[in-house]
Amino acid sequence: MDKIRYTVLISHPSDVDEKTLDFIYQCFDMWNEQNQALPFEFYPFEWDKDVATLSEVANGQDVIDSVAEAYCDAVLAVFNKRLGSPVNDSISGTVHELEECIENDKPAGMIIDSQEVDSREQKLIDYINDFKGLYKEYDSKEKLSREIGLFSINEREIIHQSLMNQLFYSKSICVLIIRTGSKELRQIMSIIRISVRLGQV
């Protein structure tokens, strides 16, 4: 049986190290492995691995935008200390990709290393406070792996609801807001059900 593939754009500033990104890929692989009975899987997609060669011959951000819009179902932004460098009309490339995703009614999530909280630049702190999307922090590989799993569940629920809304309503609902403090899966799933039922975030 062919599985439905949900492609997740992994967006990040340059200060996020390769080991963290590799581990995120492993988390998605582990999630897919542990949920083989489900009719869908997740494919992490990263601009500097998947579209870097294209970005060398054109405006890099425009290439990322066109690929993300066409092929990506969601975006997960990974932050460390920095918000990133300005690009086009946005304060950073990662912020631009998050906002493009939200604007296109796709799930958007942010995850950040809480061990670097004292080293965060102010504009990252300001953006976190204003962010309208799934926001989580981690302080270990175990917590990061767990949050990736929860993000996968959230994304699947929101994408499926979006498809249903597109069938029955003129306006789809795709963006879920969860503030820090949602510690248990039953709380998160409750928020999903309430948000979908009310048709709001």
Protein backbone atom coordinates (compact mmCIF):
# COMPACT_ATOMS: atom_id res chain seq x y z
CA MET A 1 0.00 0.00 0.00
CA ASP A 2 1.35 3.40 -0.98
CA LYS A 3 1.59 5.75 1.98
CA ILE A 4 0.64 9.40 2.10
CA ARG A 5 3.82 11.44 2.50
CA TYR A 6 3.72 14.64 4.52
CA THR A 7 6.75 16.80 3.75
CA VAL A 8 8.01 19.00 6.58
CA LEU A 9 10.31 21.93 5.79
CA ILE A 10 13.01 22.09 8.47
CA SER A 11 13.88 25.78 8.66
CA HIS A 12 16.70 27.17 10.80
CA PRO A 13 19.27 29.95 11.15
CA SER A 14 22.94 29.14 10.58
CA ASP A 15 23.77 28.76 14.30
CA VAL A 16 21.78 25.53 14.62
CA ASP A 17 24.41 22.82 14.53
CA GLU A 18 24.45 19.86 12.15
CA LYS A 19 24.20 17.32 14.98
CA THR A 20 20.87 18.76 16.10
CA LEU A 21 19.51 18.74 12.55
CA ASP A 22 20.71 15.18 11.96
CA PHE A 23 19.01 14.10 15.17
CA ILE A 24 15.73 15.72 14.05
CA TYR A 25 15.93 13.68 10.85
CA GLN A 26 16.50 10.57 12.97
CA CYS A 27 13.45 11.46 15.09
CA PHE A 28 11.22 11.54 12.02
CA ASP A 29 12.75 8.25 10.83
CA MET A 30 12.09 6.68 14.24
CA TRP A 31 8.52 7.98 14.23
CA ASN A 32 7.91 6.49 10.78
CA GLU A 33 9.46 3.19 11.88
CA GLN A 34 7.36 2.99 15.03
CA ASN A 35 4.16 3.84 13.15
CA GLN A 36 4.48 1.64 10.08
CA ALA A 37 0.87 0.50 10.43
CA LEU A 38 -0.38 4.03 9.74
CA PRO A 39 -1.19 5.02 6.14
CA PHE A 40 1.13 8.04 6.18
CA GLU A 41 4.73 9.02 6.88
CA PHE A 42 6.75 12.19 7.36
CA TYR A 43 9.60 13.38 5.19
CA PRO A 44 11.85 16.15 6.56
CA PHE A 45 12.99 18.60 3.90
CA GLU A 46 15.89 21.01 4.42
CA TRP A 47 16.81 23.87 2.09
CA ASP A 48 20.59 23.53 2.32
CA LYS A 49 20.40 19.81 1.60
CA ASP A 50 17.56 19.66 -0.90
CA VAL A 51 17.58 22.97 -2.79
CA ALA A 52 21.07 24.39 -2.20
CA THR A 53 22.22 23.73 -5.76
CA LEU A 54 19.18 25.55 -7.16
CA SER A 55 19.69 28.50 -4.83
CA GLU A 56 23.14 29.07 -6.29
CA VAL A 57 21.70 30.02 -9.69
CA ALA A 58 18.78 32.21 -8.58
CA ASN A 59 17.49 34.24 -5.66
CA GLY A 60 17.92 31.63 -2.94
CA GLN A 61 14.89 32.58 -0.85
CA ASP A 62 12.62 32.73 -3.91
CA VAL A 63 13.70 29.20 -4.83
CA ILE A 64 13.06 27.95 -1.30
CA ASP A 65 9.63 29.64 -1.30
CA SER A 66 8.57 28.11 -4.60
CA VAL A 67 9.70 24.62 -3.58
CA ALA A 68 8.15 24.91 -0.11
CA GLU A 69 4.83 26.13 -1.50
CA ALA A 70 4.67 23.35 -4.06
CA TYR A 71 5.94 20.39 -2.06
CA CYS A 72 5.90 21.08 1.71
CA ASP A 73 2.89 20.44 3.91
CA ALA A 74 4.25 22.11 7.06
CA VAL A 75 7.27 23.90 8.47
CA LEU A 76 9.20 23.23 11.66
CA ALA A 77 11.58 26.05 12.62
CA VAL A 78 14.53 25.15 14.82
CA PHE A 79 16.22 27.92 16.82
CA ASN A 80 19.25 28.11 19.06
CA LYS A 81 20.45 31.64 20.02
CA ARG A 82 19.85 33.68 16.86
CA LEU A 83 16.75 34.66 14.90
CA GLY A 84 18.71 34.70 11.65
CA SER A 85 19.65 37.17 8.94
CA PRO A 86 17.22 39.50 7.11
CA VAL A 87 15.96 38.30 3.73
CA ASN A 88 13.58 39.90 1.23
CA ASP A 89 11.04 41.81 3.32
CA SER A 90 11.42 39.77 6.50
CA ILE A 91 13.59 40.02 9.62
CA SER A 92 15.05 36.58 8.89
CA GLY A 93 14.87 33.75 6.39
CA THR A 94 13.47 31.35 8.99
CA VAL A 95 10.80 33.84 10.05
CA HIS A 96 9.94 34.40 6.39
CA GLU A 97 9.46 30.65 5.86
CA LEU A 98 7.29 30.35 8.96
CA GLU A 99 5.09 33.27 7.94
CA GLU A 100 4.80 32.04 4.35
CA CYS A 101 3.64 28.70 5.69
CA ILE A 102 1.02 30.29 7.95
CA GLU A 103 -0.11 32.57 5.12
CA ASN A 104 -0.63 29.49 2.94
CA ASP A 105 -2.74 27.82 5.66
CA LYS A 106 -0.17 25.17 6.50
CA PRO A 107 0.83 23.99 10.00
CA ALA A 108 3.77 25.89 11.47
CA GLY A 109 5.81 24.95 14.51
CA MET A 110 8.81 26.32 16.37
CA ILE A 111 11.17 24.39 18.62
CA ILE A 112 14.06 25.92 20.52
CA ASP A 113 16.89 24.79 22.77
CA SER A 114 16.00 25.93 26.31
CA GLN A 115 19.59 25.40 27.45
CA GLU A 116 20.52 28.53 25.49
CA VAL A 117 17.88 30.74 27.07
CA ASP A 118 20.41 33.10 28.66
CA SER A 119 22.24 33.54 25.35
CA ARG A 120 19.27 34.32 23.11
CA GLU A 121 19.42 37.57 21.20
CA GLN A 122 16.63 40.02 21.97
CA LYS A 123 14.96 39.88 18.58
CA LEU A 124 14.57 36.09 18.93
CA ILE A 125 12.97 36.59 22.36
CA ASP A 126 10.62 39.20 20.90
CA TYR A 127 9.63 36.92 18.03
CA ILE A 128 8.95 33.99 20.37
CA ASN A 129 6.59 36.20 22.39
CA ASP A 130 4.67 37.21 19.25
CA PHE A 131 4.67 33.85 17.46
CA LYS A 132 1.28 32.42 16.47
CA GLY A 133 1.89 28.71 16.09
CA LEU A 134 3.03 25.55 17.81
CA TYR A 135 5.87 26.49 20.17
CA LYS A 136 7.92 24.05 22.25
CA GLU A 137 11.27 23.97 24.01
CA TYR A 138 13.66 21.11 24.70
CA ASP A 139 16.64 20.57 26.97
CA SER A 140 17.71 17.05 25.97
CA LYS A 141 17.65 14.63 23.05
CA GLU A 142 14.88 12.70 24.76
CA LYS A 143 12.68 15.81 25.05
CA LEU A 144 13.47 16.81 21.45
CA SER A 145 12.49 13.36 20.22
CA ARG A 146 9.22 13.50 22.18
CA GLU A 147 8.35 16.95 20.84
CA ILE A 148 9.03 15.87 17.25
CA GLY A 149 6.61 13.00 17.81
CA LEU A 150 3.93 15.35 19.14
CA PHE A 151 4.52 17.75 16.26
CA SER A 152 3.98 14.87 13.83
CA ILE A 153 0.66 14.00 15.48
CA ASN A 154 -0.44 17.65 15.46
CA GLU A 155 0.56 18.11 11.84
CA ARG A 156 -1.32 15.03 10.70
CA GLU A 157 -4.50 16.11 12.51
CA ILE A 158 -4.34 19.66 11.17
CA ILE A 159 -3.59 18.66 7.56
CA HIS A 160 -6.47 16.17 7.53
CA GLN A 161 -8.84 18.75 9.00
CA SER A 162 -7.66 21.26 6.41
CA LEU A 163 -8.52 18.89 3.60
CA MET A 164 -11.99 18.35 5.06
CA ASN A 165 -12.52 22.09 5.45
CA GLN A 166 -11.48 22.67 1.85
CA LEU A 167 -14.16 20.21 0.79
CA PHE A 168 -16.97 21.73 2.87
CA TYR A 169 -16.00 25.33 3.59
CA SER A 170 -14.68 28.25 1.60
CA LYS A 171 -12.01 28.97 4.20
CA SER A 172 -9.74 26.26 5.64
CA ILE A 173 -8.44 26.19 9.20
CA CYS A 174 -4.87 24.97 9.53
CA VAL A 175 -2.98 26.91 12.16
CA LEU A 176 -3.00 25.67 15.73
CA ILE A 177 -1.69 27.77 18.62
CA ILE A 178 -0.33 25.92 21.63
CA ARG A 179 1.51 27.89 24.31
CA THR A 180 4.34 26.55 26.44
CA GLY A 181 2.99 24.45 29.28
CA SER A 182 1.02 21.86 27.29
CA LYS A 183 2.85 18.99 28.91
CA GLU A 184 0.68 15.99 28.20
CA LEU A 185 -0.54 14.46 24.99
CA ARG A 186 -4.17 14.44 26.15
CA GLN A 187 -4.00 18.22 26.69
CA ILE A 188 -2.61 18.78 23.20
CA MET A 189 -5.20 16.53 21.57
CA SER A 190 -7.94 18.32 23.52
CA ILE A 191 -6.73 21.66 22.16
CA ILE A 192 -6.73 20.21 18.64
CA ARG A 193 -10.30 18.97 18.98
CA ILE A 194 -11.56 22.25 20.45
CA SER A 195 -9.74 24.35 17.82
CA VAL A 196 -11.10 22.25 14.97
CA ARG A 197 -14.63 22.18 16.36
CA LEU A 198 -14.76 25.93 16.89
CA GLY A 199 -13.02 26.66 13.62
CA GLN A 200 -10.54 29.00 15.25
CA VAL A 201 -7.04 29.08 16.71
